[in-house]
N, C-alpha and C. Protein backbone atom coordinates (compact mmCIF):
# COMPACT_ATOMS: atom_id res chain seq x y z
N MET A 1 0.85 -1.20 0.00
CA MET A 1 0.00 0.00 0.00
C MET A 1 0.89 1.25 0.00
N SER A 2 0.61 2.19 -0.89
CA SER A 2 1.40 3.42 -0.98
C SER A 2 1.03 4.36 0.17
N ASN A 3 1.90 5.36 0.39
CA ASN A 3 1.63 6.35 1.43
C ASN A 3 0.32 7.08 1.19
N ARG A 4 0.04 7.39 -0.09
CA ARG A 4 -1.21 8.08 -0.44
C ARG A 4 -2.42 7.24 -0.04
N ASP A 5 -2.38 5.93 -0.37
CA ASP A 5 -3.51 5.05 -0.03
C ASP A 5 -3.64 4.91 1.48
N TRP A 6 -2.52 4.78 2.18
CA TRP A 6 -2.54 4.60 3.63
C TRP A 6 -3.12 5.82 4.32
N ILE A 7 -2.73 7.00 3.87
CA ILE A 7 -3.24 8.24 4.45
C ILE A 7 -4.74 8.39 4.19
N GLY A 8 -5.14 8.09 2.93
CA GLY A 8 -6.55 8.25 2.57
C GLY A 8 -7.46 7.26 3.26
N ILE A 9 -7.00 6.03 3.46
CA ILE A 9 -7.84 4.98 4.02
C ILE A 9 -7.86 5.00 5.54
N ALA A 10 -6.71 5.21 6.16
CA ALA A 10 -6.61 5.07 7.62
C ALA A 10 -6.47 6.40 8.35
N VAL A 11 -5.54 7.24 7.90
CA VAL A 11 -5.19 8.42 8.69
C VAL A 11 -6.26 9.50 8.60
N LYS A 12 -6.67 9.87 7.39
CA LYS A 12 -7.62 10.98 7.25
C LYS A 12 -8.95 10.73 7.95
N PRO A 13 -9.57 9.55 7.83
CA PRO A 13 -10.80 9.32 8.58
C PRO A 13 -10.61 9.45 10.09
N ALA A 14 -9.45 8.98 10.59
CA ALA A 14 -9.17 9.08 12.02
C ALA A 14 -9.02 10.54 12.44
N VAL A 15 -8.37 11.36 11.60
CA VAL A 15 -8.19 12.79 11.91
C VAL A 15 -9.54 13.50 11.85
N HIS A 16 -10.37 13.16 10.86
CA HIS A 16 -11.72 13.74 10.79
C HIS A 16 -12.48 13.46 12.08
N ALA A 17 -12.46 12.20 12.51
CA ALA A 17 -13.19 11.81 13.72
C ALA A 17 -12.65 12.56 14.94
N ALA A 18 -11.33 12.68 15.04
CA ALA A 18 -10.73 13.39 16.18
C ALA A 18 -11.11 14.86 16.17
N CYS A 19 -11.13 15.47 15.00
CA CYS A 19 -11.45 16.90 14.89
C CYS A 19 -12.91 17.19 15.23
N LEU A 20 -13.77 16.20 15.08
CA LEU A 20 -15.19 16.40 15.36
C LEU A 20 -15.57 16.12 16.80
N ILE A 21 -14.63 15.58 17.57
CA ILE A 21 -14.93 15.24 18.97
C ILE A 21 -15.36 16.46 19.77
N PRO A 22 -14.67 17.62 19.69
CA PRO A 22 -15.13 18.78 20.48
C PRO A 22 -16.54 19.22 20.12
N ALA A 23 -16.88 19.22 18.83
CA ALA A 23 -18.23 19.60 18.42
C ALA A 23 -19.26 18.61 18.95
N ALA A 24 -18.92 17.32 18.89
CA ALA A 24 -19.84 16.29 19.39
C ALA A 24 -20.02 16.43 20.90
N TRP A 25 -18.92 16.75 21.59
CA TRP A 25 -19.02 16.87 23.05
C TRP A 25 -19.90 18.03 23.46
N VAL A 26 -19.76 19.17 22.79
CA VAL A 26 -20.55 20.34 23.20
C VAL A 26 -22.04 20.11 22.91
N VAL A 27 -22.36 19.37 21.86
CA VAL A 27 -23.77 19.02 21.59
C VAL A 27 -24.28 18.09 22.69
N TRP A 28 -23.49 17.08 23.03
CA TRP A 28 -23.89 16.15 24.10
C TRP A 28 -24.08 16.90 25.41
N ALA A 29 -23.13 17.77 25.75
CA ALA A 29 -23.21 18.51 27.01
C ALA A 29 -24.42 19.42 27.05
N ALA A 30 -24.77 20.02 25.90
CA ALA A 30 -25.91 20.93 25.85
C ALA A 30 -27.22 20.20 26.16
N PHE A 31 -27.31 18.93 25.77
CA PHE A 31 -28.54 18.16 26.00
C PHE A 31 -28.50 17.37 27.30
N ASN A 32 -27.41 17.46 28.04
CA ASN A 32 -27.29 16.68 29.27
C ASN A 32 -26.87 17.54 30.46
N ASP A 33 -27.15 18.83 30.37
CA ASP A 33 -26.88 19.76 31.48
C ASP A 33 -25.43 19.70 31.94
N GLY A 34 -24.54 19.63 30.97
CA GLY A 34 -23.13 19.53 31.31
C GLY A 34 -22.34 20.80 31.06
N LEU A 35 -23.03 21.93 30.96
CA LEU A 35 -22.35 23.19 30.61
C LEU A 35 -22.30 24.19 31.76
N GLY A 36 -22.72 23.76 32.95
CA GLY A 36 -22.61 24.62 34.11
C GLY A 36 -23.73 25.64 34.22
N ALA A 37 -23.50 26.64 35.08
CA ALA A 37 -24.54 27.63 35.39
C ALA A 37 -24.79 28.61 34.26
N ASN A 38 -23.81 28.82 33.40
CA ASN A 38 -23.95 29.76 32.28
C ASN A 38 -23.64 29.02 30.97
N PRO A 39 -24.59 28.25 30.45
CA PRO A 39 -24.32 27.42 29.28
C PRO A 39 -23.99 28.22 28.02
N VAL A 40 -24.57 29.40 27.87
CA VAL A 40 -24.30 30.22 26.68
C VAL A 40 -22.83 30.61 26.63
N GLU A 41 -22.33 31.12 27.75
CA GLU A 41 -20.91 31.49 27.81
C GLU A 41 -20.02 30.26 27.67
N ALA A 42 -20.42 29.14 28.27
CA ALA A 42 -19.62 27.92 28.21
C ALA A 42 -19.48 27.42 26.77
N ILE A 43 -20.56 27.43 26.02
CA ILE A 43 -20.52 26.99 24.62
C ILE A 43 -19.61 27.90 23.81
N ASN A 44 -19.79 29.20 23.97
CA ASN A 44 -19.02 30.15 23.18
C ASN A 44 -17.52 30.03 23.46
N ARG A 45 -17.17 29.94 24.72
CA ARG A 45 -15.75 29.86 25.09
C ARG A 45 -15.14 28.53 24.68
N PHE A 46 -15.91 27.46 24.83
CA PHE A 46 -15.41 26.14 24.45
C PHE A 46 -15.09 26.10 22.96
N LEU A 47 -16.00 26.61 22.15
CA LEU A 47 -15.78 26.63 20.70
C LEU A 47 -14.63 27.55 20.32
N GLY A 48 -14.52 28.69 21.00
CA GLY A 48 -13.40 29.59 20.74
C GLY A 48 -12.06 28.98 21.10
N ASP A 49 -12.03 28.27 22.24
CA ASP A 49 -10.78 27.60 22.64
C ASP A 49 -10.33 26.61 21.57
N TRP A 50 -11.25 25.83 21.08
CA TRP A 50 -10.88 24.81 20.09
C TRP A 50 -10.56 25.43 18.73
N ALA A 51 -11.17 26.55 18.42
CA ALA A 51 -10.80 27.24 17.18
C ALA A 51 -9.34 27.64 17.21
N LEU A 52 -8.90 28.22 18.33
CA LEU A 52 -7.51 28.64 18.46
C LEU A 52 -6.57 27.45 18.50
N ARG A 53 -6.98 26.38 19.17
CA ARG A 53 -6.14 25.19 19.23
C ARG A 53 -5.93 24.59 17.85
N PHE A 54 -6.98 24.48 17.08
CA PHE A 54 -6.85 23.90 15.75
C PHE A 54 -6.02 24.81 14.84
N LEU A 55 -6.13 26.11 15.02
CA LEU A 55 -5.32 27.03 14.23
C LEU A 55 -3.84 26.84 14.53
N LEU A 56 -3.50 26.67 15.80
CA LEU A 56 -2.11 26.44 16.18
C LEU A 56 -1.63 25.06 15.71
N ILE A 57 -2.51 24.07 15.78
CA ILE A 57 -2.15 22.73 15.28
C ILE A 57 -1.86 22.79 13.79
N ALA A 58 -2.69 23.53 13.05
CA ALA A 58 -2.47 23.67 11.60
C ALA A 58 -1.12 24.31 11.32
N LEU A 59 -0.76 25.33 12.11
CA LEU A 59 0.54 25.98 11.92
C LEU A 59 1.70 25.08 12.35
N ALA A 60 1.42 24.10 13.21
CA ALA A 60 2.47 23.20 13.67
C ALA A 60 2.74 22.07 12.69
N VAL A 61 1.88 21.88 11.70
CA VAL A 61 2.03 20.75 10.78
C VAL A 61 3.35 20.84 10.01
N THR A 62 3.66 22.01 9.46
CA THR A 62 4.87 22.15 8.64
C THR A 62 6.14 21.87 9.43
N PRO A 63 6.37 22.51 10.59
CA PRO A 63 7.59 22.16 11.34
C PRO A 63 7.62 20.72 11.81
N LEU A 64 6.46 20.16 12.16
CA LEU A 64 6.41 18.75 12.58
C LEU A 64 6.83 17.83 11.44
N ALA A 65 6.31 18.13 10.24
CA ALA A 65 6.64 17.30 9.08
C ALA A 65 8.12 17.38 8.73
N LYS A 66 8.68 18.58 8.83
CA LYS A 66 10.08 18.76 8.43
C LYS A 66 11.06 18.32 9.50
N LEU A 67 10.81 18.70 10.74
CA LEU A 67 11.72 18.33 11.82
C LEU A 67 11.61 16.85 12.15
N GLY A 68 10.40 16.29 12.04
CA GLY A 68 10.20 14.87 12.32
C GLY A 68 10.40 13.97 11.12
N ARG A 69 10.74 14.59 9.97
CA ARG A 69 10.95 13.83 8.73
C ARG A 69 9.74 12.94 8.42
N MET A 70 8.57 13.58 8.50
CA MET A 70 7.31 12.89 8.21
C MET A 70 6.54 13.69 7.16
N PRO A 71 6.97 13.65 5.92
CA PRO A 71 6.32 14.47 4.88
C PRO A 71 4.85 14.16 4.68
N TRP A 72 4.43 12.96 5.02
CA TRP A 72 3.02 12.58 4.84
C TRP A 72 2.09 13.43 5.72
N VAL A 73 2.63 14.00 6.82
CA VAL A 73 1.81 14.84 7.70
C VAL A 73 1.30 16.07 6.96
N MET A 74 2.06 16.53 5.96
CA MET A 74 1.66 17.72 5.21
C MET A 74 0.31 17.53 4.51
N ARG A 75 -0.05 16.29 4.22
CA ARG A 75 -1.32 16.02 3.55
C ARG A 75 -2.51 16.26 4.47
N LEU A 76 -2.26 16.45 5.75
CA LEU A 76 -3.33 16.70 6.71
C LEU A 76 -3.52 18.19 7.01
N ARG A 77 -2.61 19.03 6.49
CA ARG A 77 -2.59 20.44 6.85
C ARG A 77 -3.87 21.17 6.44
N ARG A 78 -4.29 20.96 5.20
CA ARG A 78 -5.49 21.67 4.72
C ARG A 78 -6.71 21.27 5.54
N MET A 79 -6.83 19.97 5.82
CA MET A 79 -7.97 19.48 6.59
C MET A 79 -8.03 20.13 7.97
N ILE A 80 -6.90 20.16 8.67
CA ILE A 80 -6.87 20.73 10.01
C ILE A 80 -7.14 22.23 9.95
N GLY A 81 -6.59 22.89 8.92
CA GLY A 81 -6.85 24.32 8.76
C GLY A 81 -8.32 24.62 8.55
N LEU A 82 -8.99 23.79 7.78
CA LEU A 82 -10.42 23.98 7.55
C LEU A 82 -11.23 23.71 8.82
N TYR A 83 -10.77 22.77 9.61
CA TYR A 83 -11.45 22.55 10.89
C TYR A 83 -11.25 23.74 11.83
N ALA A 84 -10.10 24.38 11.75
CA ALA A 84 -9.89 25.61 12.53
C ALA A 84 -10.93 26.65 12.14
N PHE A 85 -11.13 26.83 10.83
CA PHE A 85 -12.13 27.80 10.37
C PHE A 85 -13.54 27.34 10.76
N PHE A 86 -13.79 26.05 10.73
CA PHE A 86 -15.08 25.49 11.13
C PHE A 86 -15.41 25.88 12.57
N TYR A 87 -14.44 25.74 13.47
CA TYR A 87 -14.69 26.08 14.87
C TYR A 87 -14.73 27.58 15.09
N VAL A 88 -13.97 28.34 14.30
CA VAL A 88 -14.09 29.80 14.37
C VAL A 88 -15.51 30.22 13.98
N THR A 89 -16.04 29.60 12.92
CA THR A 89 -17.40 29.91 12.47
C THR A 89 -18.44 29.53 13.51
N LEU A 90 -18.26 28.36 14.14
CA LEU A 90 -19.18 27.94 15.20
C LEU A 90 -19.11 28.90 16.39
N HIS A 91 -17.90 29.33 16.71
CA HIS A 91 -17.70 30.28 17.81
C HIS A 91 -18.43 31.59 17.53
N LEU A 92 -18.27 32.11 16.32
CA LEU A 92 -18.95 33.35 15.94
C LEU A 92 -20.46 33.14 15.88
N SER A 93 -20.89 32.01 15.33
CA SER A 93 -22.32 31.73 15.20
C SER A 93 -22.99 31.60 16.56
N SER A 94 -22.31 30.97 17.52
CA SER A 94 -22.90 30.84 18.85
C SER A 94 -23.07 32.20 19.50
N TYR A 95 -22.13 33.11 19.23
CA TYR A 95 -22.25 34.47 19.78
C TYR A 95 -23.43 35.20 19.15
N ILE A 96 -23.55 35.12 17.83
CA ILE A 96 -24.61 35.86 17.13
C ILE A 96 -25.98 35.24 17.40
N ALA A 97 -26.06 33.90 17.33
CA ALA A 97 -27.37 33.24 17.42
C ALA A 97 -27.82 33.03 18.86
N ILE A 98 -26.95 32.49 19.70
CA ILE A 98 -27.34 32.11 21.05
C ILE A 98 -27.22 33.28 22.03
N ASP A 99 -26.08 33.95 21.98
CA ASP A 99 -25.84 35.04 22.93
C ASP A 99 -26.66 36.28 22.59
N GLN A 100 -26.65 36.67 21.31
CA GLN A 100 -27.32 37.92 20.91
C GLN A 100 -28.68 37.70 20.25
N GLY A 101 -29.06 36.45 20.00
CA GLY A 101 -30.38 36.18 19.42
C GLY A 101 -30.61 36.85 18.08
N PHE A 102 -29.57 36.90 17.26
CA PHE A 102 -29.63 37.52 15.93
C PHE A 102 -30.02 39.00 15.99
N ASP A 103 -29.72 39.66 17.10
CA ASP A 103 -29.94 41.09 17.20
C ASP A 103 -28.73 41.79 16.58
N TRP A 104 -28.83 42.08 15.29
CA TRP A 104 -27.67 42.58 14.54
C TRP A 104 -27.21 43.96 15.02
N LEU A 105 -28.14 44.75 15.51
CA LEU A 105 -27.76 46.05 16.05
C LEU A 105 -26.91 45.88 17.30
N ALA A 106 -27.33 44.95 18.17
CA ALA A 106 -26.55 44.68 19.38
C ALA A 106 -25.18 44.11 19.03
N VAL A 107 -25.14 43.25 18.01
CA VAL A 107 -23.86 42.69 17.56
C VAL A 107 -22.94 43.80 17.09
N TRP A 108 -23.48 44.71 16.27
CA TRP A 108 -22.67 45.81 15.76
C TRP A 108 -22.16 46.71 16.88
N LYS A 109 -23.01 46.99 17.86
CA LYS A 109 -22.60 47.81 19.00
C LYS A 109 -21.48 47.14 19.78
N ASP A 110 -21.57 45.81 19.93
CA ASP A 110 -20.53 45.07 20.62
C ASP A 110 -19.20 45.14 19.87
N ILE A 111 -19.30 45.01 18.54
CA ILE A 111 -18.07 45.05 17.72
C ILE A 111 -17.38 46.40 17.87
N VAL A 112 -18.17 47.45 17.89
CA VAL A 112 -17.61 48.80 17.98
C VAL A 112 -17.12 49.10 19.40
N LYS A 113 -17.85 48.64 20.41
CA LYS A 113 -17.56 49.01 21.79
C LYS A 113 -16.48 48.16 22.43
N ARG A 114 -16.53 46.84 22.20
CA ARG A 114 -15.62 45.91 22.88
C ARG A 114 -14.47 45.54 21.94
N VAL A 115 -13.26 45.92 22.35
CA VAL A 115 -12.10 45.75 21.48
C VAL A 115 -11.82 44.28 21.20
N TYR A 116 -12.01 43.41 22.19
CA TYR A 116 -11.71 41.99 21.97
C TYR A 116 -12.66 41.37 20.95
N ILE A 117 -13.90 41.87 20.89
CA ILE A 117 -14.82 41.39 19.87
C ILE A 117 -14.43 41.94 18.50
N THR A 118 -13.98 43.17 18.46
CA THR A 118 -13.46 43.75 17.22
C THR A 118 -12.31 42.91 16.67
N VAL A 119 -11.39 42.56 17.56
CA VAL A 119 -10.24 41.73 17.14
C VAL A 119 -10.72 40.37 16.65
N GLY A 120 -11.68 39.78 17.35
CA GLY A 120 -12.22 38.49 16.92
C GLY A 120 -12.85 38.54 15.54
N MET A 121 -13.58 39.62 15.25
CA MET A 121 -14.18 39.77 13.93
C MET A 121 -13.12 39.94 12.85
N VAL A 122 -12.05 40.66 13.17
CA VAL A 122 -10.95 40.82 12.22
C VAL A 122 -10.32 39.46 11.91
N VAL A 123 -10.16 38.64 12.93
CA VAL A 123 -9.61 37.29 12.73
C VAL A 123 -10.49 36.49 11.77
N PHE A 124 -11.80 36.55 11.97
CA PHE A 124 -12.72 35.83 11.08
C PHE A 124 -12.60 36.33 9.65
N VAL A 125 -12.53 37.64 9.48
CA VAL A 125 -12.41 38.22 8.14
C VAL A 125 -11.10 37.78 7.47
N LEU A 126 -10.03 37.69 8.24
CA LEU A 126 -8.74 37.26 7.69
C LEU A 126 -8.77 35.79 7.27
N LEU A 127 -9.46 34.96 8.05
CA LEU A 127 -9.49 33.53 7.76
C LEU A 127 -10.46 33.16 6.65
N LEU A 128 -11.49 33.99 6.45
CA LEU A 128 -12.51 33.68 5.45
C LEU A 128 -11.94 33.46 4.05
N PRO A 129 -11.12 34.37 3.51
CA PRO A 129 -10.58 34.11 2.17
C PRO A 129 -9.65 32.90 2.11
N LEU A 130 -9.02 32.56 3.21
CA LEU A 130 -8.16 31.37 3.23
C LEU A 130 -8.99 30.10 3.08
N ALA A 131 -10.12 30.07 3.78
CA ALA A 131 -10.99 28.90 3.66
C ALA A 131 -11.61 28.81 2.27
N LEU A 132 -12.01 29.95 1.72
CA LEU A 132 -12.65 29.96 0.40
C LEU A 132 -11.69 29.59 -0.72
N THR A 133 -10.40 29.85 -0.54
CA THR A 133 -9.42 29.60 -1.61
C THR A 133 -8.51 28.42 -1.28
N SER A 134 -9.00 27.48 -0.48
CA SER A 134 -8.15 26.38 -0.05
C SER A 134 -8.07 25.23 -1.06
N THR A 135 -8.81 25.33 -2.16
CA THR A 135 -8.84 24.24 -3.12
C THR A 135 -7.77 24.41 -4.20
N ARG A 136 -7.47 23.32 -4.88
CA ARG A 136 -6.49 23.36 -5.97
C ARG A 136 -6.96 24.27 -7.11
N GLY A 137 -8.28 24.32 -7.31
CA GLY A 137 -8.81 25.19 -8.36
C GLY A 137 -8.46 26.64 -8.12
N TRP A 138 -8.53 27.08 -6.86
CA TRP A 138 -8.19 28.46 -6.55
C TRP A 138 -6.70 28.72 -6.69
N ILE A 139 -5.89 27.72 -6.42
CA ILE A 139 -4.45 27.89 -6.62
C ILE A 139 -4.17 28.18 -8.10
N LYS A 140 -4.87 27.47 -8.98
CA LYS A 140 -4.69 27.68 -10.42
C LYS A 140 -5.22 29.05 -10.83
N ARG A 141 -6.36 29.47 -10.28
CA ARG A 141 -6.94 30.76 -10.65
C ARG A 141 -6.06 31.92 -10.21
N LEU A 142 -5.56 31.85 -8.99
CA LEU A 142 -4.77 32.96 -8.45
C LEU A 142 -3.31 32.92 -8.89
N GLY A 143 -2.85 31.74 -9.24
CA GLY A 143 -1.42 31.60 -9.49
C GLY A 143 -0.71 31.27 -8.19
N ASN A 144 0.30 30.45 -8.26
CA ASN A 144 0.94 29.94 -7.05
C ASN A 144 1.49 31.05 -6.16
N ARG A 145 2.15 32.05 -6.78
CA ARG A 145 2.76 33.12 -5.98
C ARG A 145 1.71 33.94 -5.26
N ARG A 146 0.66 34.39 -5.95
CA ARG A 146 -0.38 35.20 -5.31
C ARG A 146 -1.14 34.40 -4.26
N TRP A 147 -1.36 33.12 -4.55
CA TRP A 147 -2.06 32.27 -3.59
C TRP A 147 -1.26 32.13 -2.30
N LYS A 148 0.05 31.94 -2.42
CA LYS A 148 0.89 31.83 -1.23
C LYS A 148 0.86 33.11 -0.41
N ARG A 149 0.94 34.24 -1.09
CA ARG A 149 0.93 35.52 -0.38
C ARG A 149 -0.40 35.75 0.32
N LEU A 150 -1.50 35.36 -0.32
CA LEU A 150 -2.80 35.49 0.32
C LEU A 150 -2.86 34.67 1.60
N HIS A 151 -2.30 33.47 1.55
CA HIS A 151 -2.38 32.57 2.70
C HIS A 151 -1.41 32.92 3.81
N TRP A 152 -0.59 33.95 3.61
CA TRP A 152 0.19 34.49 4.72
C TRP A 152 -0.71 35.17 5.74
N LEU A 153 -1.96 35.44 5.37
CA LEU A 153 -2.90 36.04 6.31
C LEU A 153 -3.12 35.17 7.55
N VAL A 154 -2.76 33.90 7.45
CA VAL A 154 -2.92 33.02 8.61
C VAL A 154 -2.08 33.50 9.78
N TYR A 155 -0.95 34.17 9.52
CA TYR A 155 -0.09 34.62 10.60
C TYR A 155 -0.73 35.74 11.42
N PRO A 156 -1.17 36.85 10.80
CA PRO A 156 -1.87 37.86 11.61
C PRO A 156 -3.17 37.33 12.21
N ALA A 157 -3.81 36.38 11.54
CA ALA A 157 -5.04 35.80 12.09
C ALA A 157 -4.73 35.05 13.38
N ALA A 158 -3.65 34.27 13.39
CA ALA A 158 -3.27 33.53 14.60
C ALA A 158 -2.88 34.47 15.72
N ILE A 159 -2.13 35.51 15.38
CA ILE A 159 -1.76 36.52 16.39
C ILE A 159 -3.01 37.19 16.95
N GLY A 160 -3.93 37.55 16.06
CA GLY A 160 -5.18 38.15 16.50
C GLY A 160 -6.00 37.22 17.37
N GLY A 161 -5.98 35.92 17.06
CA GLY A 161 -6.71 34.95 17.86
C GLY A 161 -6.19 34.88 19.29
N VAL A 162 -4.87 34.91 19.44
CA VAL A 162 -4.26 34.89 20.78
C VAL A 162 -4.61 36.18 21.53
N ILE A 163 -4.52 37.32 20.84
CA ILE A 163 -4.86 38.61 21.47
C ILE A 163 -6.32 38.62 21.90
N HIS A 164 -7.20 38.14 21.03
CA HIS A 164 -8.64 38.05 21.34
C HIS A 164 -8.87 37.24 22.62
N PHE A 165 -8.20 36.10 22.71
CA PHE A 165 -8.35 35.24 23.89
C PHE A 165 -7.81 35.93 25.14
N TYR A 166 -6.65 36.54 25.01
CA TYR A 166 -6.02 37.21 26.15
C TYR A 166 -6.93 38.33 26.68
N MET A 167 -7.48 39.13 25.79
CA MET A 167 -8.32 40.24 26.21
C MET A 167 -9.65 39.77 26.79
N MET A 168 -10.11 38.60 26.36
CA MET A 168 -11.41 38.10 26.81
C MET A 168 -11.36 37.54 28.22
N VAL A 169 -10.26 36.83 28.58
CA VAL A 169 -10.23 36.16 29.88
C VAL A 169 -10.04 37.14 31.04
N LYS A 170 -9.36 38.25 30.81
CA LYS A 170 -9.22 39.35 31.77
C LYS A 170 -8.39 39.02 33.01
N LEU A 171 -8.75 37.98 33.77
CA LEU A 171 -8.09 37.73 35.05
C LEU A 171 -6.98 36.68 34.92
N ASP A 172 -7.34 35.42 34.77
CA ASP A 172 -6.35 34.35 34.69
C ASP A 172 -5.87 34.22 33.25
N VAL A 173 -4.71 34.80 32.96
CA VAL A 173 -4.21 34.86 31.59
C VAL A 173 -3.17 33.78 31.30
N ARG A 174 -3.05 32.79 32.18
CA ARG A 174 -2.03 31.76 31.99
C ARG A 174 -2.23 30.98 30.69
N GLU A 175 -3.48 30.59 30.42
CA GLU A 175 -3.73 29.80 29.20
C GLU A 175 -3.44 30.59 27.93
N PRO A 176 -3.96 31.82 27.77
CA PRO A 176 -3.60 32.57 26.56
C PRO A 176 -2.10 32.84 26.44
N LEU A 177 -1.40 32.98 27.55
CA LEU A 177 0.04 33.18 27.48
C LEU A 177 0.75 31.91 27.01
N ILE A 178 0.22 30.76 27.37
CA ILE A 178 0.78 29.50 26.86
C ILE A 178 0.60 29.43 25.34
N TYR A 179 -0.61 29.79 24.87
CA TYR A 179 -0.86 29.79 23.43
C TYR A 179 0.04 30.81 22.73
N ALA A 180 0.25 31.95 23.38
CA ALA A 180 1.13 32.97 22.80
C ALA A 180 2.55 32.44 22.66
N ALA A 181 3.02 31.70 23.67
CA ALA A 181 4.37 31.12 23.61
C ALA A 181 4.47 30.09 22.49
N ILE A 182 3.44 29.27 22.34
CA ILE A 182 3.44 28.26 21.27
C ILE A 182 3.47 28.95 19.91
N LEU A 183 2.65 29.98 19.75
CA LEU A 183 2.62 30.71 18.48
C LEU A 183 3.96 31.38 18.21
N ALA A 184 4.56 31.96 19.23
CA ALA A 184 5.87 32.60 19.05
C ALA A 184 6.91 31.58 18.60
N LEU A 185 6.84 30.39 19.15
CA LEU A 185 7.76 29.32 18.77
C LEU A 185 7.56 28.92 17.30
N LEU A 186 6.30 28.78 16.90
CA LEU A 186 5.99 28.39 15.52
C LEU A 186 6.41 29.46 14.52
N LEU A 187 6.15 30.72 14.85
CA LEU A 187 6.55 31.81 13.97
C LEU A 187 8.07 32.00 13.99
N GLY A 188 8.67 31.78 15.15
CA GLY A 188 10.12 31.89 15.24
C GLY A 188 10.82 30.85 14.38
N TRP A 189 10.30 29.63 14.38
CA TRP A 189 10.86 28.58 13.52
C TRP A 189 10.79 28.98 12.06
N ARG A 190 9.65 29.53 11.64
CA ARG A 190 9.50 29.97 10.25
C ARG A 190 10.46 31.11 9.92
N ALA A 191 10.63 32.02 10.87
CA ALA A 191 11.54 33.13 10.65
C ALA A 191 12.98 32.65 10.45
N VAL A 192 13.39 31.67 11.25
CA VAL A 192 14.74 31.12 11.12
C VAL A 192 14.92 30.43 9.77
N VAL A 193 13.93 29.63 9.38
CA VAL A 193 14.00 28.93 8.09
C VAL A 193 14.05 29.94 6.95
N ALA A 194 13.22 30.99 7.02
CA ALA A 194 13.20 32.00 5.97
C ALA A 194 14.52 32.78 5.94
N TRP A 195 15.09 33.07 7.12
CA TRP A 195 16.37 33.78 7.17
C TRP A 195 17.46 32.97 6.51
N ARG A 196 17.47 31.67 6.74
CA ARG A 196 18.48 30.81 6.11
C ARG A 196 18.33 30.80 4.59
N LYS A 197 17.08 30.78 4.14
CA LYS A 197 16.84 30.82 2.69
C LYS A 197 17.32 32.14 2.10
N ARG A 198 17.02 33.24 2.80
CA ARG A 198 17.46 34.55 2.33
C ARG A 198 18.98 34.63 2.30
N HIS A 199 19.62 34.09 3.31
CA HIS A 199 21.08 34.12 3.39
C HIS A 199 21.70 33.36 2.21
N LYS A 200 21.12 32.24 1.87
CA LYS A 200 21.63 31.46 0.75
C LYS A 200 21.42 32.19 -0.57
N LYS A 201 20.26 32.82 -0.71
CA LYS A 201 19.94 33.50 -1.97
C LYS A 201 20.70 34.80 -2.15
N ARG A 202 21.30 35.32 -1.10
CA ARG A 202 22.09 36.54 -1.22
C ARG A 202 23.50 36.28 -1.74
N LYS A 203 23.84 35.02 -1.88
CA LYS A 203 25.14 34.69 -2.44
C LYS A 203 25.17 35.10 -3.91
N PRO A 204 26.33 35.43 -4.46
CA PRO A 204 26.41 35.89 -5.86
C PRO A 204 25.75 34.92 -6.82
N GLY A 205 24.89 35.50 -7.67
CA GLY A 205 24.24 34.69 -8.70
C GLY A 205 23.04 33.92 -8.24
N GLN A 206 22.57 34.15 -7.00
CA GLN A 206 21.48 33.36 -6.47
C GLN A 206 20.12 34.05 -6.58
N GLY A 207 20.05 35.32 -6.98
CA GLY A 207 18.75 35.98 -7.16
C GLY A 207 18.31 36.73 -5.93
N ASP A 208 17.01 37.02 -5.87
CA ASP A 208 16.45 37.86 -4.82
C ASP A 208 16.19 37.05 -3.56
N PRO A 209 16.18 37.74 -2.39
CA PRO A 209 15.89 37.05 -1.14
C PRO A 209 14.43 36.64 -1.05
N ALA A 210 14.17 35.61 -0.22
CA ALA A 210 12.80 35.13 0.00
C ALA A 210 12.10 35.99 1.03
N PRO A 211 10.75 36.00 1.06
CA PRO A 211 10.01 36.75 2.08
C PRO A 211 10.33 36.24 3.46
N LEU A 212 10.20 37.10 4.45
CA LEU A 212 10.62 36.78 5.80
C LEU A 212 9.91 35.56 6.37
N LEU A 213 8.58 35.54 6.32
CA LEU A 213 7.83 34.44 6.91
C LEU A 213 7.27 33.49 5.86
N GLY A 214 7.78 33.53 4.67
CA GLY A 214 7.13 32.82 3.58
C GLY A 214 7.49 31.37 3.44
N ASP A 215 6.85 30.48 4.24
CA ASP A 215 7.02 29.08 3.94
C ASP A 215 6.03 28.63 2.88
N GLY A 216 5.13 29.56 2.49
CA GLY A 216 4.21 29.30 1.39
C GLY A 216 3.18 28.23 1.69
N GLN A 217 2.87 28.03 2.96
CA GLN A 217 1.95 26.97 3.31
C GLN A 217 0.57 27.55 3.56
N LYS A 218 -0.46 26.80 3.20
CA LYS A 218 -1.80 27.23 3.51
C LYS A 218 -2.17 26.77 4.90
N VAL A 219 -3.32 27.24 5.34
CA VAL A 219 -3.70 27.05 6.73
C VAL A 219 -3.67 25.58 7.11
């Protein structure tokens, strides 16, 4: 069995199932009084936590594949990235539908008044084009170079996600600081790799330097 067949038959279904566990749990908890005294807030925060976790996992795929010499892991990157957007969408939808009851005026006032909600909306806007252009067809339409540059938006989106979480928790900031450290490590690894590429390309006859954070990977 080839690596492609093995990944398609065994690995991808297992990753799909694992990625759906948080969504399945929150549905089960909602119908079994497992969300505590404030279920609306519990649902929203739970979905937001997993959105950020999946976004960081997606960013960890490339260094894991290269440092661990497991190139087959790269075939899971797009799937995990789309699940990150899936949970971001659920997080936003729970806020609009459950918390605000589709009161769009109240939603707009919150976006304008509360900075952490403003940051959260910016993160969603940044991730939306990445999810929409994640297919091979869009790579062909945009061209490889423009597509890669568009997908660099994942970096400010991840930074914004950590800031959104930090501003939301207010008191105990240990968890968002852990996520911030993980993100700094992932971005630092990319910066080092990009610096090495730039250093090599600056040698005589090697052409122009590469972009600073450009590993050219999609979410």
